[in-house]
Amino acid sequence: LGRPRIDVVVTMSGIFRDLLPLQTRMIADASYLATVADEAPEQNFVRKHSLAHQAQYGCDLETASLRVFSNAQGAYGANVNMMIDGGGWTDPQELAEMFEAKKGFAYGRNGVPTQHRALFESELATVELTYQNLESVEAGVTDIDHYVDGLGGMSKAVEKARGEATPIYVVDATQGDTKVRTLGEQIDLETRTRMLNPKWYEGMLKHGFEGVRHLELHVTNTMGWSATTGTV
């Protein structure tokens, strides 16, 4: 590759888990093949971290190579968004713990989920940055709470595992050239063009209670980013 193999932890929504079972097993297989490759750990961080996980938990290499995490079969969401929306938390660490509990199920090469919360937490402790792709030009990170639930919850869980916050990036490939922004830059952009833009909020108010509901969602989601990442 001309550089070390980079280790990546993948967290999936329950929807993608259901729709992409083949791709999920392929990622798990790729992680396993990188783990057992005859390469120096300094040139293969997947192998380096898997060997560390194996030593820590006394498990086999296939278990130590697990990198794809999602909900238990039939379950959806991390519930971080629901905790924020309902005010059901007093300490941001509770948001991290909820994410870990809901997303701590590993999906391996056989596609069968197994609860590995401790392994998940130790893998998050090695994460140096988190990121999320924007999926639609019509839905930004302050428009819907799924981003707060996934990226926000994951970033808070990484901060808890590492003991310090890491950079958070948003990849925008929805139109024209692909742009990479920090989460703070993305929130600033959306706040200027939506919540603080008279054309937008006055237009919303013309729609009565439905417009007010959209305004409220932006306020709640922005508060959610503050709670999970502190980047507002």
C-alpha atoms as a PDB file:
ATOM      1  CA  LEU A   1       0.000   0.000   0.000  1.00  0.00           C
ATOM      2  CA  GLY A   2       2.959   2.310   0.520  1.00  0.00           C
ATOM      3  CA  ARG A   3       1.648   3.125   3.994  1.00  0.00           C
ATOM      4  CA  PRO A   4       0.417   1.206   7.060  1.00  0.00           C
ATOM      5  CA  ARG A   5      -3.008  -0.429   6.980  1.00  0.00           C
ATOM      6  CA  ILE A   6      -5.405   1.848   8.841  1.00  0.00           C
ATOM      7  CA  ASP A   7      -7.749   0.328  11.413  1.00  0.00           C
ATOM      8  CA  VAL A   8     -11.410   1.335  11.115  1.00  0.00           C
ATOM      9  CA  VAL A   9     -14.349   0.590  13.401  1.00  0.00           C
ATOM     10  CA  VAL A  10     -17.696   0.580  11.582  1.00  0.00           C
ATOM     11  CA  THR A  11     -20.974   1.320  13.345  1.00  0.00           C
ATOM     12  CA  MET A  12     -24.138   0.664  11.368  1.00  0.00           C
ATOM     13  CA  SER A  13     -27.733   1.687  11.673  1.00  0.00           C
ATOM     14  CA  GLY A  14     -30.213  -1.145  12.065  1.00  0.00           C
ATOM     15  CA  ILE A  15     -31.570  -0.298   8.618  1.00  0.00           C
ATOM     16  CA  PHE A  16     -28.188  -0.721   6.892  1.00  0.00           C
ATOM     17  CA  ARG A  17     -27.625  -3.925   8.862  1.00  0.00           C
ATOM     18  CA  ASP A  18     -30.859  -5.290   7.403  1.00  0.00           C
ATOM     19  CA  LEU A  19     -30.281  -4.024   3.849  1.00  0.00           C
ATOM     20  CA  LEU A  20     -26.569  -4.831   3.470  1.00  0.00           C
ATOM     21  CA  PRO A  21     -25.839  -8.221   5.061  1.00  0.00           C
ATOM     22  CA  LEU A  22     -23.400  -9.256   2.299  1.00  0.00           C
ATOM     23  CA  GLN A  23     -21.395  -6.029   2.587  1.00  0.00           C
ATOM     24  CA  THR A  24     -21.327  -6.396   6.374  1.00  0.00           C
ATOM     25  CA  ARG A  25     -19.787  -9.875   6.098  1.00  0.00           C
ATOM     26  CA  MET A  26     -17.310  -8.627   3.480  1.00  0.00           C
ATOM     27  CA  ILE A  27     -16.043  -5.886   5.822  1.00  0.00           C
ATOM     28  CA  ALA A  28     -15.734  -8.430   8.644  1.00  0.00           C
ATOM     29  CA  ASP A  29     -13.836 -10.781   6.325  1.00  0.00           C
ATOM     30  CA  ALA A  30     -11.501  -7.998   5.205  1.00  0.00           C
ATOM     31  CA  SER A  31     -10.728  -7.154   8.831  1.00  0.00           C
ATOM     32  CA  TYR A  32      -9.995 -10.802   9.605  1.00  0.00           C
ATOM     33  CA  LEU A  33      -7.706 -11.184   6.573  1.00  0.00           C
ATOM     34  CA  ALA A  34      -5.792  -8.052   7.596  1.00  0.00           C
ATOM     35  CA  THR A  35      -5.532  -9.403  11.151  1.00  0.00           C
ATOM     36  CA  VAL A  36      -3.953 -12.708  10.089  1.00  0.00           C
ATOM     37  CA  ALA A  37      -1.732 -11.178   7.377  1.00  0.00           C
ATOM     38  CA  ASP A  38       1.988 -11.896   7.813  1.00  0.00           C
ATOM     39  CA  GLU A  39       2.909  -8.247   8.259  1.00  0.00           C
ATOM     40  CA  ALA A  40       4.718  -6.181  10.872  1.00  0.00           C
ATOM     41  CA  PRO A  41       2.242  -4.588  13.328  1.00  0.00           C
ATOM     42  CA  GLU A  42       3.785  -1.165  12.625  1.00  0.00           C
ATOM     43  CA  GLN A  43       2.643  -1.555   9.019  1.00  0.00           C
ATOM     44  CA  ASN A  44      -0.742  -3.050   9.878  1.00  0.00           C
ATOM     45  CA  PHE A  45      -2.728  -1.338  12.624  1.00  0.00           C
ATOM     46  CA  VAL A  46      -5.615  -3.779  12.170  1.00  0.00           C
ATOM     47  CA  ARG A  47      -3.298  -6.632  13.135  1.00  0.00           C
ATOM     48  CA  LYS A  48      -1.607  -4.588  15.877  1.00  0.00           C
ATOM     49  CA  HIS A  49      -4.882  -3.745  17.589  1.00  0.00           C
ATOM     50  CA  SER A  50      -6.340  -7.246  17.119  1.00  0.00           C
ATOM     51  CA  LEU A  51      -3.296  -8.817  18.795  1.00  0.00           C
ATOM     52  CA  ALA A  52      -3.735  -6.360  21.670  1.00  0.00           C
ATOM     53  CA  HIS A  53      -7.434  -7.248  21.970  1.00  0.00           C
ATOM     54  CA  GLN A  54      -6.573 -10.959  21.931  1.00  0.00           C
ATOM     55  CA  ALA A  55      -4.055 -10.508  24.736  1.00  0.00           C
ATOM     56  CA  GLN A  56      -6.476  -8.379  26.770  1.00  0.00           C
ATOM     57  CA  TYR A  57      -9.493 -10.684  26.509  1.00  0.00           C
ATOM     58  CA  GLY A  58      -7.899 -14.085  25.892  1.00  0.00           C
ATOM     59  CA  CYS A  59     -10.084 -14.604  22.825  1.00  0.00           C
ATOM     60  CA  ASP A  60      -9.298 -16.069  19.407  1.00  0.00           C
ATOM     61  CA  LEU A  61      -8.035 -13.845  16.597  1.00  0.00           C
ATOM     62  CA  GLU A  62     -11.338 -13.938  14.731  1.00  0.00           C
ATOM     63  CA  THR A  63     -13.128 -12.436  17.730  1.00  0.00           C
ATOM     64  CA  ALA A  64     -10.321  -9.912  18.221  1.00  0.00           C
ATOM     65  CA  SER A  65     -10.672  -8.869  14.551  1.00  0.00           C
ATOM     66  CA  LEU A  66     -14.346  -7.895  14.866  1.00  0.00           C
ATOM     67  CA  ARG A  67     -14.803  -4.303  13.694  1.00  0.00           C
ATOM     68  CA  VAL A  68     -18.456  -4.030  12.576  1.00  0.00           C
ATOM     69  CA  PHE A  69     -20.925  -3.109  15.314  1.00  0.00           C
ATOM     70  CA  SER A  70     -24.629  -2.422  15.345  1.00  0.00           C
ATOM     71  CA  ASN A  71     -27.757  -3.195  17.355  1.00  0.00           C
ATOM     72  CA  ALA A  72     -28.950  -6.608  18.389  1.00  0.00           C
ATOM     73  CA  GLN A  73     -30.920  -8.360  15.673  1.00  0.00           C
ATOM     74  CA  GLY A  74     -34.315  -6.700  15.331  1.00  0.00           C
ATOM     75  CA  ALA A  75     -33.338  -3.607  17.333  1.00  0.00           C
ATOM     76  CA  TYR A  76     -32.765  -0.124  15.927  1.00  0.00           C
ATOM     77  CA  GLY A  77     -31.101   3.121  16.970  1.00  0.00           C
ATOM     78  CA  ALA A  78     -28.766   4.022  19.807  1.00  0.00           C
ATOM     79  CA  ASN A  79     -31.545   5.824  21.753  1.00  0.00           C
ATOM     80  CA  VAL A  80     -29.182   8.766  22.346  1.00  0.00           C
ATOM     81  CA  ASN A  81     -31.570  10.989  20.386  1.00  0.00           C
ATOM     82  CA  MET A  82     -34.503   9.847  22.513  1.00  0.00           C
ATOM     83  CA  MET A  83     -32.610  10.573  25.738  1.00  0.00           C
ATOM     84  CA  ILE A  84     -31.832  14.093  24.513  1.00  0.00           C
ATOM     85  CA  ASP A  85     -35.351  14.742  23.215  1.00  0.00           C
ATOM     86  CA  GLY A  86     -36.935  13.521  26.438  1.00  0.00           C
ATOM     87  CA  GLY A  87     -34.411  15.109  28.779  1.00  0.00           C
ATOM     88  CA  GLY A  88     -33.747  11.682  30.263  1.00  0.00           C
ATOM     89  CA  TRP A  89     -30.124  12.293  31.258  1.00  0.00           C
ATOM     90  CA  THR A  90     -28.165  14.430  33.695  1.00  0.00           C
ATOM     91  CA  ASP A  91     -24.567  13.555  32.752  1.00  0.00           C
ATOM     92  CA  PRO A  92     -23.243  13.373  29.153  1.00  0.00           C
ATOM     93  CA  GLN A  93     -21.508  10.113  30.113  1.00  0.00           C
ATOM     94  CA  GLU A  94     -24.968   8.545  30.242  1.00  0.00           C
ATOM     95  CA  LEU A  95     -25.295   9.245  26.512  1.00  0.00           C
ATOM     96  CA  ALA A  96     -22.035   7.385  25.843  1.00  0.00           C
ATOM     97  CA  GLU A  97     -23.143   4.439  27.948  1.00  0.00           C
ATOM     98  CA  MET A  98     -26.448   4.231  26.106  1.00  0.00           C
ATOM     99  CA  PHE A  99     -24.628   4.187  22.747  1.00  0.00           C
ATOM    100  CA  GLU A 100     -22.280   1.427  23.907  1.00  0.00           C
ATOM    101  CA  ALA A 101     -25.127  -0.669  25.278  1.00  0.00           C
ATOM    102  CA  LYS A 102     -27.220  -0.420  22.119  1.00  0.00           C
ATOM    103  CA  LYS A 103     -24.418  -0.653  19.533  1.00  0.00           C
ATOM    104  CA  GLY A 104     -22.162  -3.166  21.290  1.00  0.00           C
ATOM    105  CA  PHE A 105     -23.170  -6.132  19.108  1.00  0.00           C
ATOM    106  CA  ALA A 106     -20.432  -7.316  16.742  1.00  0.00           C
ATOM    107  CA  TYR A 107     -21.196  -8.737  13.301  1.00  0.00           C
ATOM    108  CA  GLY A 108     -18.624 -11.217  12.035  1.00  0.00           C
ATOM    109  CA  ARG A 109     -18.000 -13.205   8.866  1.00  0.00           C
ATOM    110  CA  ASN A 110     -21.014 -15.418   9.501  1.00  0.00           C
ATOM    111  CA  GLY A 111     -23.329 -12.406   9.852  1.00  0.00           C
ATOM    112  CA  VAL A 112     -24.553 -13.477  13.297  1.00  0.00           C
ATOM    113  CA  PRO A 113     -24.472 -10.733  15.964  1.00  0.00           C
ATOM    114  CA  THR A 114     -22.737 -11.355  19.278  1.00  0.00           C
ATOM    115  CA  GLN A 115     -22.671  -8.964  22.211  1.00  0.00           C
ATOM    116  CA  HIS A 116     -19.120  -7.697  22.726  1.00  0.00           C
ATOM    117  CA  ARG A 117     -19.505  -4.421  24.575  1.00  0.00           C
ATOM    118  CA  ALA A 118     -16.133  -4.650  26.349  1.00  0.00           C
ATOM    119  CA  LEU A 119     -14.352  -5.309  23.041  1.00  0.00           C
ATOM    120  CA  PHE A 120     -16.279  -2.433  21.467  1.00  0.00           C
ATOM    121  CA  GLU A 121     -15.179  -0.047  24.219  1.00  0.00           C
ATOM    122  CA  SER A 122     -11.519  -1.062  23.909  1.00  0.00           C
ATOM    123  CA  GLU A 123     -11.662  -0.547  20.151  1.00  0.00           C
ATOM    124  CA  LEU A 124     -13.210   2.897  20.584  1.00  0.00           C
ATOM    125  CA  ALA A 125     -10.305   3.787  22.866  1.00  0.00           C
ATOM    126  CA  THR A 126      -7.961   3.591  19.839  1.00  0.00           C
ATOM    127  CA  VAL A 127     -10.105   5.807  17.593  1.00  0.00           C
ATOM    128  CA  GLU A 128      -8.379   9.045  16.548  1.00  0.00           C
ATOM    129  CA  LEU A 129     -11.241  10.597  14.567  1.00  0.00           C
ATOM    130  CA  THR A 130     -14.905   9.964  13.792  1.00  0.00           C
ATOM    131  CA  TYR A 131     -16.801  10.812  10.630  1.00  0.00           C
ATOM    132  CA  GLN A 132     -20.139  10.549   8.868  1.00  0.00           C
ATOM    133  CA  ASN A 133     -21.229  10.940   5.263  1.00  0.00           C
ATOM    134  CA  LEU A 134     -24.153  13.246   4.542  1.00  0.00           C
ATOM    135  CA  GLU A 135     -26.760  11.159   2.789  1.00  0.00           C
ATOM    136  CA  SER A 136     -28.923  13.867   1.193  1.00  0.00           C
ATOM    137  CA  VAL A 137     -28.696  17.542   0.268  1.00  0.00           C
ATOM    138  CA  GLU A 138     -32.108  17.932   1.921  1.00  0.00           C
ATOM    139  CA  ALA A 139     -31.137  16.606   5.356  1.00  0.00           C
ATOM    140  CA  GLY A 140     -28.221  18.084   7.285  1.00  0.00           C
ATOM    141  CA  VAL A 141     -26.865  17.233  10.702  1.00  0.00           C
ATOM    142  CA  THR A 142     -29.250  19.675  12.407  1.00  0.00           C
ATOM    143  CA  ASP A 143     -32.307  18.657  10.356  1.00  0.00           C
ATOM    144  CA  ILE A 144     -32.757  15.113  11.664  1.00  0.00           C
ATOM    145  CA  ASP A 145     -31.747  13.508  14.928  1.00  0.00           C
ATOM    146  CA  HIS A 146     -30.297  10.340  13.362  1.00  0.00           C
ATOM    147  CA  TYR A 147     -26.932  12.045  12.981  1.00  0.00           C
ATOM    148  CA  VAL A 148     -26.887  13.085  16.641  1.00  0.00           C
ATOM    149  CA  ASP A 149     -27.889   9.548  17.590  1.00  0.00           C
ATOM    150  CA  GLY A 150     -25.169   7.874  15.505  1.00  0.00           C
ATOM    151  CA  LEU A 151     -22.232  10.247  15.063  1.00  0.00           C
ATOM    152  CA  GLY A 152     -22.922  12.183  18.254  1.00  0.00           C
ATOM    153  CA  GLY A 153     -23.368   9.060  20.348  1.00  0.00           C
ATOM    154  CA  MET A 154     -20.297   7.408  18.850  1.00  0.00           C
ATOM    155  CA  SER A 155     -18.128  10.497  19.366  1.00  0.00           C
ATOM    156  CA  LYS A 156     -19.186  10.745  23.006  1.00  0.00           C
ATOM    157  CA  ALA A 157     -18.457   7.023  23.470  1.00  0.00           C
ATOM    158  CA  VAL A 158     -14.991   7.510  21.921  1.00  0.00           C
ATOM    159  CA  GLU A 159     -14.355  10.446  24.257  1.00  0.00           C
ATOM    160  CA  LYS A 160     -15.380   8.298  27.238  1.00  0.00           C
ATOM    161  CA  ALA A 161     -13.155   5.399  26.147  1.00  0.00           C
ATOM    162  CA  ARG A 162     -10.117   7.567  25.337  1.00  0.00           C
ATOM    163  CA  GLY A 163     -10.492  10.076  28.134  1.00  0.00           C
ATOM    164  CA  GLU A 164     -10.376  12.943  25.641  1.00  0.00           C
ATOM    165  CA  ALA A 165     -12.358  14.192  22.656  1.00  0.00           C
ATOM    166  CA  THR A 166     -11.227  13.502  19.080  1.00  0.00           C
ATOM    167  CA  PRO A 167     -11.825  15.432  15.823  1.00  0.00           C
ATOM    168  CA  ILE A 168     -15.201  14.875  14.152  1.00  0.00           C
ATOM    169  CA  TYR A 169     -15.621  15.258  10.394  1.00  0.00           C
ATOM    170  CA  VAL A 170     -18.596  15.382   8.049  1.00  0.00           C
ATOM    171  CA  VAL A 171     -18.143  14.337   4.409  1.00  0.00           C
ATOM    172  CA  ASP A 172     -20.458  16.178   2.013  1.00  0.00           C
ATOM    173  CA  ALA A 173     -20.621  14.552  -1.424  1.00  0.00           C
ATOM    174  CA  THR A 174     -24.248  15.492  -2.070  1.00  0.00           C
ATOM    175  CA  GLN A 175     -23.492  17.953  -4.870  1.00  0.00           C
ATOM    176  CA  GLY A 176     -20.476  19.042  -6.895  1.00  0.00           C
ATOM    177  CA  ASP A 177     -17.011  18.472  -5.489  1.00  0.00           C
ATOM    178  CA  THR A 178     -16.770  16.455  -2.289  1.00  0.00           C
ATOM    179  CA  LYS A 179     -16.164  18.615   0.770  1.00  0.00           C
ATOM    180  CA  VAL A 180     -14.837  17.573   4.167  1.00  0.00           C
ATOM    181  CA  ARG A 181     -15.803  19.817   7.065  1.00  0.00           C
ATOM    182  CA  THR A 182     -15.339  19.597  10.780  1.00  0.00           C
ATOM    183  CA  LEU A 183     -18.584  19.006  12.640  1.00  0.00           C
ATOM    184  CA  GLY A 184     -18.338  22.542  14.043  1.00  0.00           C
ATOM    185  CA  GLU A 185     -18.039  23.986  10.522  1.00  0.00           C
ATOM    186  CA  GLN A 186     -21.027  21.937   9.362  1.00  0.00           C
ATOM    187  CA  ILE A 187     -23.184  23.081  12.291  1.00  0.00           C
ATOM    188  CA  ASP A 188     -22.150  26.716  11.692  1.00  0.00           C
ATOM    189  CA  LEU A 189     -23.029  26.425   7.991  1.00  0.00           C
ATOM    190  CA  GLU A 190     -26.448  24.914   8.649  1.00  0.00           C
ATOM    191  CA  THR A 191     -27.230  27.376  11.447  1.00  0.00           C
ATOM    192  CA  ARG A 192     -26.426  30.373   9.242  1.00  0.00           C
ATOM    193  CA  THR A 193     -28.450  29.061   6.309  1.00  0.00           C
ATOM    194  CA  ARG A 194     -31.388  27.790   8.353  1.00  0.00           C
ATOM    195  CA  MET A 195     -31.986  28.785  11.973  1.00  0.00           C
ATOM    196  CA  LEU A 196     -30.435  32.288  11.677  1.00  0.00           C
ATOM    197  CA  ASN A 197     -31.644  32.904   8.109  1.00  0.00           C
ATOM    198  CA  PRO A 198     -34.835  35.042   8.075  1.00  0.00           C
ATOM    199  CA  LYS A 199     -35.839  33.668   4.660  1.00  0.00           C
ATOM    200  CA  TRP A 200     -35.766  30.157   6.104  1.00  0.00           C
ATOM    201  CA  TYR A 201     -37.408  30.634   9.489  1.00  0.00           C
ATOM    202  CA  GLU A 202     -40.041  33.093   8.245  1.00  0.00           C
ATOM    203  CA  GLY A 203     -40.855  30.627   5.492  1.00  0.00           C
ATOM    204  CA  MET A 204     -41.185  27.896   8.090  1.00  0.00           C
ATOM    205  CA  LEU A 205     -43.528  30.006  10.224  1.00  0.00           C
ATOM    206  CA  LYS A 206     -45.875  30.399   7.251  1.00  0.00           C
ATOM    207  CA  HIS A 207     -46.549  26.665   7.576  1.00  0.00           C
ATOM    208  CA  GLY A 208     -48.051  27.043  11.040  1.00  0.00           C
ATOM    209  CA  PHE A 209     -47.549  24.275  13.573  1.00  0.00           C
ATOM    210  CA  GLU A 210     -45.629  22.098  11.110  1.00  0.00           C
ATOM    211  CA  GLY A 211     -43.132  24.891  10.513  1.00  0.00           C
ATOM    212  CA  VAL A 212     -42.759  25.440  14.239  1.00  0.00           C
ATOM    213  CA  ARG A 213     -42.106  21.708  14.630  1.00  0.00           C
ATOM    214  CA  HIS A 214     -39.171  21.992  12.192  1.00  0.00           C
ATOM    215  CA  LEU A 215     -37.798  24.952  14.127  1.00  0.00           C
ATOM    216  CA  GLU A 216     -38.055  22.986  17.358  1.00  0.00           C
ATOM    217  CA  LEU A 217     -36.263  20.012  15.795  1.00  0.00           C
ATOM    218  CA  HIS A 218     -33.321  22.226  14.820  1.00  0.00           C
ATOM    219  CA  VAL A 219     -33.078  23.639  18.336  1.00  0.00           C
ATOM    220  CA  THR A 220     -33.235  20.168  19.918  1.00  0.00           C
ATOM    221  CA  ASN A 221     -30.720  18.671  17.475  1.00  0.00           C
ATOM    222  CA  THR A 222     -28.320  21.573  17.983  1.00  0.00           C
ATOM    223  CA  MET A 223     -28.593  21.047  21.742  1.00  0.00           C
ATOM    224  CA  GLY A 224     -27.920  17.354  21.078  1.00  0.00           C
ATOM    225  CA  TRP A 225     -24.660  18.194  19.323  1.00  0.00           C
ATOM    226  CA  SER A 226     -23.672  20.370  22.265  1.00  0.00           C
ATOM    227  CA  ALA A 227     -24.416  17.536  24.684  1.00  0.00           C
ATOM    228  CA  THR A 228     -22.590  14.819  22.731  1.00  0.00           C
ATOM    229  CA  THR A 229     -19.661  16.741  21.244  1.00  0.00           C
ATOM    230  CA  GLY A 230     -19.443  20.263  22.690  1.00  0.00           C
ATOM    231  CA  THR A 231     -18.839  21.662  19.196  1.00  0.00           C
ATOM    232  CA  VAL A 232     -21.706  24.148  19.047  1.00  0.00           C
END
